[in-house]
């Protein structure tokens, strides 16, 4: 059995319409991802801030590549890295 590591990470918060928009884009494109709610997870929040230098969500990460926001073309650029 081949196990694949999920490389796509999505940093979100509660009640975030932009985060919801990114989740819809990922679902429509059948992209598997790991979601981290940075409102509840201090370790992941600090990881996100270190990566981006910002406290803004959503952050979509694939390895060293990331984007902040819900622009569909940017989301898919990161997914396809």
PDB file of N, CA and C in Angstrom:
ATOM      1  N   UNK A   1       0.830  -1.171   0.000  1.00  0.00           N
ATOM      2  CA  UNK A   1       0.000   0.000   0.000  1.00  0.00           C
ATOM      3  C   UNK A   1       0.883   1.245   0.000  1.00  0.00           C
ATOM      4  N   UNK A   2       0.636   2.156  -0.915  1.00  0.00           N
ATOM      5  CA  UNK A   2       1.421   3.372  -1.045  1.00  0.00           C
ATOM      6  C   UNK A   2       0.781   4.473  -0.213  1.00  0.00           C
ATOM      7  N   UNK A   3       1.555   5.059   0.693  1.00  0.00           N
ATOM      8  CA  UNK A   3       1.062   6.166   1.501  1.00  0.00           C
ATOM      9  C   UNK A   3       1.614   7.463   0.932  1.00  0.00           C
ATOM     10  N   UNK A   4       0.756   8.451   0.764  1.00  0.00           N
ATOM     11  CA  UNK A   4       1.212   9.740   0.261  1.00  0.00           C
ATOM     12  C   UNK A   4       1.056  10.778   1.346  1.00  0.00           C
ATOM     13  N   UNK A   5       2.041  11.625   1.454  1.00  0.00           N
ATOM     14  CA  UNK A   5       2.008  12.691   2.441  1.00  0.00           C
ATOM     15  C   UNK A   5       1.254  13.875   1.839  1.00  0.00           C
ATOM     16  N   UNK A   6       0.335  14.423   2.618  1.00  0.00           N
ATOM     17  CA  UNK A   6      -0.391  15.599   2.160  1.00  0.00           C
ATOM     18  C   UNK A   6       0.539  16.790   2.299  1.00  0.00           C
ATOM     19  N   UNK A   7       0.819  17.442   1.183  1.00  0.00           N
ATOM     20  CA  UNK A   7       1.752  18.566   1.189  1.00  0.00           C
ATOM     21  C   UNK A   7       1.040  19.908   1.304  1.00  0.00           C
ATOM     22  N   UNK A   8      -0.218  19.966   0.930  1.00  0.00           N
ATOM     23  CA  UNK A   8      -0.949  21.226   0.935  1.00  0.00           C
ATOM     24  C   UNK A   8      -1.430  21.516   2.355  1.00  0.00           C
ATOM     25  N   UNK A   9      -1.099  22.693   2.854  1.00  0.00           N
ATOM     26  CA  UNK A   9      -1.526  23.110   4.183  1.00  0.00           C
ATOM     27  C   UNK A   9      -2.322  24.400   4.045  1.00  0.00           C
ATOM     28  N   UNK A  10      -3.438  24.488   4.769  1.00  0.00           N
ATOM     29  CA  UNK A  10      -4.287  25.667   4.743  1.00  0.00           C
ATOM     30  C   UNK A  10      -4.441  26.188   6.161  1.00  0.00           C
ATOM     31  N   UNK A  11      -3.970  27.402   6.378  1.00  0.00           N
ATOM     32  CA  UNK A  11      -4.084  28.064   7.675  1.00  0.00           C
ATOM     33  C   UNK A  11      -5.329  28.943   7.634  1.00  0.00           C
ATOM     34  N   UNK A  12      -6.235  28.761   8.598  1.00  0.00           N
ATOM     35  CA  UNK A  12      -7.525  29.444   8.603  1.00  0.00           C
ATOM     36  C   UNK A  12      -7.846  29.973   9.996  1.00  0.00           C
ATOM     37  N   UNK A  13      -8.974  30.687  10.081  1.00  0.00           N
ATOM     38  CA  UNK A  13      -9.563  31.052  11.365  1.00  0.00           C
ATOM     39  C   UNK A  13     -11.066  30.821  11.267  1.00  0.00           C
ATOM     40  N   UNK A  14     -11.741  30.976  12.381  1.00  0.00           N
ATOM     41  CA  UNK A  14     -13.193  30.838  12.413  1.00  0.00           C
ATOM     42  C   UNK A  14     -13.853  32.008  11.683  1.00  0.00           C
ATOM     43  N   UNK A  15     -15.007  31.758  11.103  1.00  0.00           N
ATOM     44  CA  UNK A  15     -15.828  32.813  10.495  1.00  0.00           C
ATOM     45  C   UNK A  15     -15.060  33.663   9.497  1.00  0.00           C
ATOM     46  N   UNK A  16     -14.300  33.018   8.638  1.00  0.00           N
ATOM     47  CA  UNK A  16     -13.475  33.706   7.642  1.00  0.00           C
ATOM     48  C   UNK A  16     -14.007  33.362   6.251  1.00  0.00           C
ATOM     49  N   UNK A  17     -14.705  34.291   5.591  1.00  0.00           N
ATOM     50  CA  UNK A  17     -15.262  33.979   4.275  1.00  0.00           C
ATOM     51  C   UNK A  17     -14.192  33.688   3.216  1.00  0.00           C
ATOM     52  N   UNK A  18     -13.030  34.309   3.341  1.00  0.00           N
ATOM     53  CA  UNK A  18     -11.952  34.037   2.384  1.00  0.00           C
ATOM     54  C   UNK A  18     -11.396  32.629   2.580  1.00  0.00           C
ATOM     55  N   UNK A  19     -11.324  32.198   3.836  1.00  0.00           N
ATOM     56  CA  UNK A  19     -10.895  30.823   4.122  1.00  0.00           C
ATOM     57  C   UNK A  19     -11.893  29.837   3.522  1.00  0.00           C
ATOM     58  N   UNK A  20     -13.176  30.134   3.690  1.00  0.00           N
ATOM     59  CA  UNK A  20     -14.216  29.276   3.109  1.00  0.00           C
ATOM     60  C   UNK A  20     -14.106  29.224   1.594  1.00  0.00           C
ATOM     61  N   UNK A  21     -13.787  30.353   0.971  1.00  0.00           N
ATOM     62  CA  UNK A  21     -13.646  30.398  -0.493  1.00  0.00           C
ATOM     63  C   UNK A  21     -12.504  29.497  -0.954  1.00  0.00           C
ATOM     64  N   UNK A  22     -11.387  29.521  -0.235  1.00  0.00           N
ATOM     65  CA  UNK A  22     -10.256  28.658  -0.605  1.00  0.00           C
ATOM     66  C   UNK A  22     -10.638  27.194  -0.434  1.00  0.00           C
ATOM     67  N   UNK A  23     -11.338  26.861   0.636  1.00  0.00           N
ATOM     68  CA  UNK A  23     -11.768  25.470   0.844  1.00  0.00           C
ATOM     69  C   UNK A  23     -12.678  25.004  -0.288  1.00  0.00           C
ATOM     70  N   UNK A  24     -13.536  25.879  -0.776  1.00  0.00           N
ATOM     71  CA  UNK A  24     -14.415  25.531  -1.902  1.00  0.00           C
ATOM     72  C   UNK A  24     -13.585  25.278  -3.160  1.00  0.00           C
ATOM     73  N   UNK A  25     -12.617  26.141  -3.430  1.00  0.00           N
ATOM     74  CA  UNK A  25     -11.744  25.958  -4.597  1.00  0.00           C
ATOM     75  C   UNK A  25     -11.025  24.612  -4.507  1.00  0.00           C
ATOM     76  N   UNK A  26     -10.476  24.304  -3.348  1.00  0.00           N
ATOM     77  CA  UNK A  26      -9.758  23.044  -3.179  1.00  0.00           C
ATOM     78  C   UNK A  26     -10.687  21.849  -3.340  1.00  0.00           C
ATOM     79  N   UNK A  27     -11.881  21.946  -2.782  1.00  0.00           N
ATOM     80  CA  UNK A  27     -12.845  20.845  -2.892  1.00  0.00           C
ATOM     81  C   UNK A  27     -13.260  20.637  -4.345  1.00  0.00           C
ATOM     82  N   UNK A  28     -13.565  21.725  -5.043  1.00  0.00           N
ATOM     83  CA  UNK A  28     -13.982  21.616  -6.446  1.00  0.00           C
ATOM     84  C   UNK A  28     -12.892  20.995  -7.320  1.00  0.00           C
ATOM     85  N   UNK A  29     -11.641  21.186  -6.942  1.00  0.00           N
ATOM     86  CA  UNK A  29     -10.520  20.643  -7.700  1.00  0.00           C
ATOM     87  C   UNK A  29      -9.980  19.350  -7.109  1.00  0.00           C
ATOM     88  N   UNK A  30     -10.725  18.800  -6.136  1.00  0.00           N
ATOM     89  CA  UNK A  30     -10.393  17.521  -5.503  1.00  0.00           C
ATOM     90  C   UNK A  30      -8.961  17.501  -4.942  1.00  0.00           C
ATOM     91  N   UNK A  31      -8.591  18.587  -4.284  1.00  0.00           N
ATOM     92  CA  UNK A  31      -7.264  18.722  -3.701  1.00  0.00           C
ATOM     93  C   UNK A  31      -7.336  18.343  -2.225  1.00  0.00           C
ATOM     94  N   UNK A  32      -6.488  17.416  -1.821  1.00  0.00           N
ATOM     95  CA  UNK A  32      -6.400  17.035  -0.418  1.00  0.00           C
ATOM     96  C   UNK A  32      -5.493  18.026   0.294  1.00  0.00           C
ATOM     97  N   UNK A  33      -5.893  18.398   1.497  1.00  0.00           N
ATOM     98  CA  UNK A  33      -5.104  19.360   2.252  1.00  0.00           C
ATOM     99  C   UNK A  33      -5.305  19.139   3.741  1.00  0.00           C
ATOM    100  N   UNK A  34      -4.382  19.689   4.490  1.00  0.00           N
ATOM    101  CA  UNK A  34      -4.453  19.665   5.945  1.00  0.00           C
ATOM    102  C   UNK A  34      -4.810  21.082   6.388  1.00  0.00           C
ATOM    103  N   UNK A  35      -5.861  21.213   7.199  1.00  0.00           N
ATOM    104  CA  UNK A  35      -6.293  22.527   7.661  1.00  0.00           C
ATOM    105  C   UNK A  35      -5.843  22.772   9.098  1.00  0.00           C
ATOM    106  N   UNK A  36      -5.323  23.978   9.328  1.00  0.00           N
ATOM    107  CA  UNK A  36      -4.911  24.386  10.664  1.00  0.00           C
ATOM    108  C   UNK A  36      -5.667  25.653  11.039  1.00  0.00           C
ATOM    109  N   UNK A  37      -6.453  25.588  12.091  1.00  0.00           N
ATOM    110  CA  UNK A  37      -7.182  26.755  12.570  1.00  0.00           C
ATOM    111  C   UNK A  37      -6.256  27.504  13.530  1.00  0.00           C
ATOM    112  N   UNK A  38      -5.674  28.597  13.057  1.00  0.00           N
ATOM    113  CA  UNK A  38      -4.677  29.311  13.851  1.00  0.00           C
ATOM    114  C   UNK A  38      -5.291  30.105  15.001  1.00  0.00           C
ATOM    115  N   UNK A  39      -6.606  30.218  15.025  1.00  0.00           N
ATOM    116  CA  UNK A  39      -7.262  30.838  16.177  1.00  0.00           C
ATOM    117  C   UNK A  39      -7.164  29.931  17.396  1.00  0.00           C
ATOM    118  N   UNK A  40      -7.054  28.626  17.161  1.00  0.00           N
ATOM    119  CA  UNK A  40      -7.032  27.637  18.237  1.00  0.00           C
ATOM    120  C   UNK A  40      -5.681  26.958  18.418  1.00  0.00           C
ATOM    121  N   UNK A  41      -4.730  27.214  17.523  1.00  0.00           N
ATOM    122  CA  UNK A  41      -3.473  26.477  17.529  1.00  0.00           C
ATOM    123  C   UNK A  41      -2.301  27.460  17.495  1.00  0.00           C
ATOM    124  N   UNK A  42      -1.765  27.761  18.674  1.00  0.00           N
ATOM    125  CA  UNK A  42      -0.691  28.753  18.782  1.00  0.00           C
ATOM    126  C   UNK A  42       0.566  28.338  18.024  1.00  0.00           C
ATOM    127  N   UNK A  43       0.894  27.057  18.044  1.00  0.00           N
ATOM    128  CA  UNK A  43       2.087  26.577  17.350  1.00  0.00           C
ATOM    129  C   UNK A  43       1.956  26.812  15.848  1.00  0.00           C
ATOM    130  N   UNK A  44       0.810  26.458  15.284  1.00  0.00           N
ATOM    131  CA  UNK A  44       0.597  26.665  13.847  1.00  0.00           C
ATOM    132  C   UNK A  44       0.502  28.149  13.505  1.00  0.00           C
ATOM    133  N   UNK A  45      -0.057  28.942  14.417  1.00  0.00           N
ATOM    134  CA  UNK A  45      -0.142  30.388  14.191  1.00  0.00           C
ATOM    135  C   UNK A  45       1.262  30.977  14.082  1.00  0.00           C
ATOM    136  N   UNK A  46       2.139  30.606  14.997  1.00  0.00           N
ATOM    137  CA  UNK A  46       3.520  31.105  14.953  1.00  0.00           C
ATOM    138  C   UNK A  46       4.246  30.607  13.705  1.00  0.00           C
ATOM    139  N   UNK A  47       3.966  29.367  13.309  1.00  0.00           N
ATOM    140  CA  UNK A  47       4.540  28.811  12.078  1.00  0.00           C
ATOM    141  C   UNK A  47       4.108  29.651  10.873  1.00  0.00           C
ATOM    142  N   UNK A  48       2.825  30.007  10.830  1.00  0.00           N
ATOM    143  CA  UNK A  48       2.284  30.801   9.728  1.00  0.00           C
ATOM    144  C   UNK A  48       2.910  32.193   9.702  1.00  0.00           C
ATOM    145  N   UNK A  49       3.038  32.818  10.864  1.00  0.00           N
ATOM    146  CA  UNK A  49       3.621  34.156  10.941  1.00  0.00           C
ATOM    147  C   UNK A  49       5.087  34.126  10.516  1.00  0.00           C
ATOM    148  N   UNK A  50       5.807  33.108  10.929  1.00  0.00           N
ATOM    149  CA  UNK A  50       7.212  32.967  10.529  1.00  0.00           C
ATOM    150  C   UNK A  50       7.328  32.787   9.019  1.00  0.00           C
ATOM    151  N   UNK A  51       6.418  32.034   8.435  1.00  0.00           N
ATOM    152  CA  UNK A  51       6.427  31.778   6.992  1.00  0.00           C
ATOM    153  C   UNK A  51       6.115  33.041   6.198  1.00  0.00           C
ATOM    154  N   UNK A  52       5.069  33.758   6.596  1.00  0.00           N
ATOM    155  CA  UNK A  52       4.561  34.863   5.787  1.00  0.00           C
ATOM    156  C   UNK A  52       4.960  36.245   6.284  1.00  0.00           C
ATOM    157  N   UNK A  53       5.303  36.343   7.556  1.00  0.00           N
ATOM    158  CA  UNK A  53       5.566  37.638   8.150  1.00  0.00           C
ATOM    159  C   UNK A  53       4.286  38.413   8.438  1.00  0.00           C
ATOM    160  N   UNK A  54       3.150  37.743   8.343  1.00  0.00           N
ATOM    161  CA  UNK A  54       1.850  38.392   8.531  1.00  0.00           C
ATOM    162  C   UNK A  54       0.953  37.555   9.448  1.00  0.00           C
ATOM    163  N   UNK A  55      -0.120  38.192   9.870  1.00  0.00           N
ATOM    164  CA  UNK A  55      -1.145  37.517  10.672  1.00  0.00           C
ATOM    165  C   UNK A  55      -2.436  37.367   9.873  1.00  0.00           C
ATOM    166  N   UNK A  56      -2.348  37.409   8.567  1.00  0.00           N
ATOM    167  CA  UNK A  56      -3.533  37.333   7.705  1.00  0.00           C
ATOM    168  C   UNK A  56      -3.811  35.890   7.292  1.00  0.00           C
ATOM    169  N   UNK A  57      -5.074  35.564   7.151  1.00  0.00           N
ATOM    170  CA  UNK A  57      -5.505  34.268   6.620  1.00  0.00           C
ATOM    171  C   UNK A  57      -6.485  34.530   5.478  1.00  0.00           C
ATOM    172  N   UNK A  58      -6.681  33.596   4.613  1.00  0.00           N
ATOM    173  CA  UNK A  58      -6.092  32.263   4.588  1.00  0.00           C
ATOM    174  C   UNK A  58      -4.679  32.272   4.016  1.00  0.00           C
ATOM    175  N   UNK A  59      -3.898  31.306   4.474  1.00  0.00           N
ATOM    176  CA  UNK A  59      -2.568  31.057   3.916  1.00  0.00           C
ATOM    177  C   UNK A  59      -2.586  29.635   3.380  1.00  0.00           C
ATOM    178  N   UNK A  60      -2.240  29.502   2.116  1.00  0.00           N
ATOM    179  CA  UNK A  60      -2.148  28.185   1.486  1.00  0.00           C
ATOM    180  C   UNK A  60      -0.681  27.911   1.220  1.00  0.00           C
ATOM    181  N   UNK A  61      -0.216  26.751   1.658  1.00  0.00           N
ATOM    182  CA  UNK A  61       1.209  26.415   1.559  1.00  0.00           C
ATOM    183  C   UNK A  61       1.391  25.067   0.890  1.00  0.00           C
ATOM    184  N   UNK A  62       2.395  25.016   0.034  1.00  0.00           N
ATOM    185  CA  UNK A  62       2.816  23.767  -0.597  1.00  0.00           C
ATOM    186  C   UNK A  62       4.339  23.763  -0.556  1.00  0.00           C
ATOM    187  N   UNK A  63       4.899  23.078   0.426  1.00  0.00           N
ATOM    188  CA  UNK A  63       6.350  23.102   0.603  1.00  0.00           C
ATOM    189  C   UNK A  63       6.792  24.498   1.001  1.00  0.00           C
ATOM    190  N   UNK A  64       7.700  25.087   0.220  1.00  0.00           N
ATOM    191  CA  UNK A  64       8.197  26.433   0.498  1.00  0.00           C
ATOM    192  C   UNK A  64       7.363  27.519  -0.169  1.00  0.00           C
ATOM    193  N   UNK A  65       6.442  27.136  -1.051  1.00  0.00           N
ATOM    194  CA  UNK A  65       5.611  28.110  -1.765  1.00  0.00           C
ATOM    195  C   UNK A  65       4.336  28.382  -0.974  1.00  0.00           C
ATOM    196  N   UNK A  66       3.908  29.649  -0.969  1.00  0.00           N
ATOM    197  CA  UNK A  66       2.674  29.979  -0.273  1.00  0.00           C
ATOM    198  C   UNK A  66       2.017  31.182  -0.919  1.00  0.00           C
ATOM    199  N   UNK A  67       0.725  31.335  -0.622  1.00  0.00           N
ATOM    200  CA  UNK A  67      -0.023  32.520  -1.006  1.00  0.00           C
ATOM    201  C   UNK A  67      -0.946  32.897   0.146  1.00  0.00           C
ATOM    202  N   UNK A  68      -1.229  34.189   0.225  1.00  0.00           N
ATOM    203  CA  UNK A  68      -2.148  34.711   1.236  1.00  0.00           C
ATOM    204  C   UNK A  68      -3.348  35.271   0.501  1.00  0.00           C
ATOM    205  N   UNK A  69      -4.535  34.811   0.857  1.00  0.00           N
ATOM    206  CA  UNK A  69      -5.745  35.299   0.206  1.00  0.00           C
ATOM    207  C   UNK A  69      -6.479  34.192  -0.519  1.00  0.00           C
ATOM    208  N   UNK A  70      -7.505  34.602  -1.261  1.00  0.00           N
ATOM    209  CA  UNK A  70      -8.401  33.622  -1.876  1.00  0.00           C
ATOM    210  C   UNK A  70      -8.478  33.749  -3.393  1.00  0.00           C
ATOM    211  N   UNK A  71      -7.456  34.329  -4.017  1.00  0.00           N
ATOM    212  CA  UNK A  71      -7.450  34.439  -5.464  1.00  0.00           C
ATOM    213  C   UNK A  71      -7.294  33.046  -6.084  1.00  0.00           C
ATOM    214  N   UNK A  72      -8.272  32.649  -6.896  1.00  0.00           N
ATOM    215  CA  UNK A  72      -8.280  31.277  -7.422  1.00  0.00           C
ATOM    216  C   UNK A  72      -7.034  30.950  -8.233  1.00  0.00           C
ATOM    217  N   UNK A  73      -6.554  31.871  -9.049  1.00  0.00           N
ATOM    218  CA  UNK A  73      -5.367  31.575  -9.852  1.00  0.00           C
ATOM    219  C   UNK A  73      -4.143  31.385  -8.969  1.00  0.00           C
ATOM    220  N   UNK A  74      -4.035  32.152  -7.889  1.00  0.00           N
ATOM    221  CA  UNK A  74      -2.927  31.988  -6.958  1.00  0.00           C
ATOM    222  C   UNK A  74      -3.045  30.678  -6.186  1.00  0.00           C
ATOM    223  N   UNK A  75      -4.256  30.336  -5.779  1.00  0.00           N
ATOM    224  CA  UNK A  75      -4.488  29.075  -5.076  1.00  0.00           C
ATOM    225  C   UNK A  75      -4.033  27.908  -5.954  1.00  0.00           C
ATOM    226  N   UNK A  76      -4.450  27.922  -7.213  1.00  0.00           N
ATOM    227  CA  UNK A  76      -4.099  26.812  -8.113  1.00  0.00           C
ATOM    228  C   UNK A  76      -2.612  26.821  -8.461  1.00  0.00           C
ATOM    229  N   UNK A  77      -1.986  27.989  -8.497  1.00  0.00           N
ATOM    230  CA  UNK A  77      -0.534  28.060  -8.741  1.00  0.00           C
ATOM    231  C   UNK A  77       0.199  27.336  -7.618  1.00  0.00           C
ATOM    232  N   UNK A  78      -0.228  27.558  -6.381  1.00  0.00           N
ATOM    233  CA  UNK A  78       0.414  26.897  -5.242  1.00  0.00           C
ATOM    234  C   UNK A  78       0.122  25.402  -5.239  1.00  0.00           C
ATOM    235  N   UNK A  79      -1.104  25.034  -5.545  1.00  0.00           N
ATOM    236  CA  UNK A  79      -1.469  23.609  -5.596  1.00  0.00           C
ATOM    237  C   UNK A  79      -0.637  22.873  -6.618  1.00  0.00           C
ATOM    238  N   UNK A  80      -0.358  23.502  -7.748  1.00  0.00           N
ATOM    239  CA  UNK A  80       0.348  22.840  -8.839  1.00  0.00           C
ATOM    240  C   UNK A  80       1.847  22.946  -8.762  1.00  0.00           C
ATOM    241  N   UNK A  81       2.404  23.435  -7.654  1.00  0.00           N
ATOM    242  CA  UNK A  81       3.858  23.515  -7.476  1.00  0.00           C
ATOM    243  C   UNK A  81       4.449  22.133  -7.373  1.00  0.00           C
TER     244      UNK A  81
END
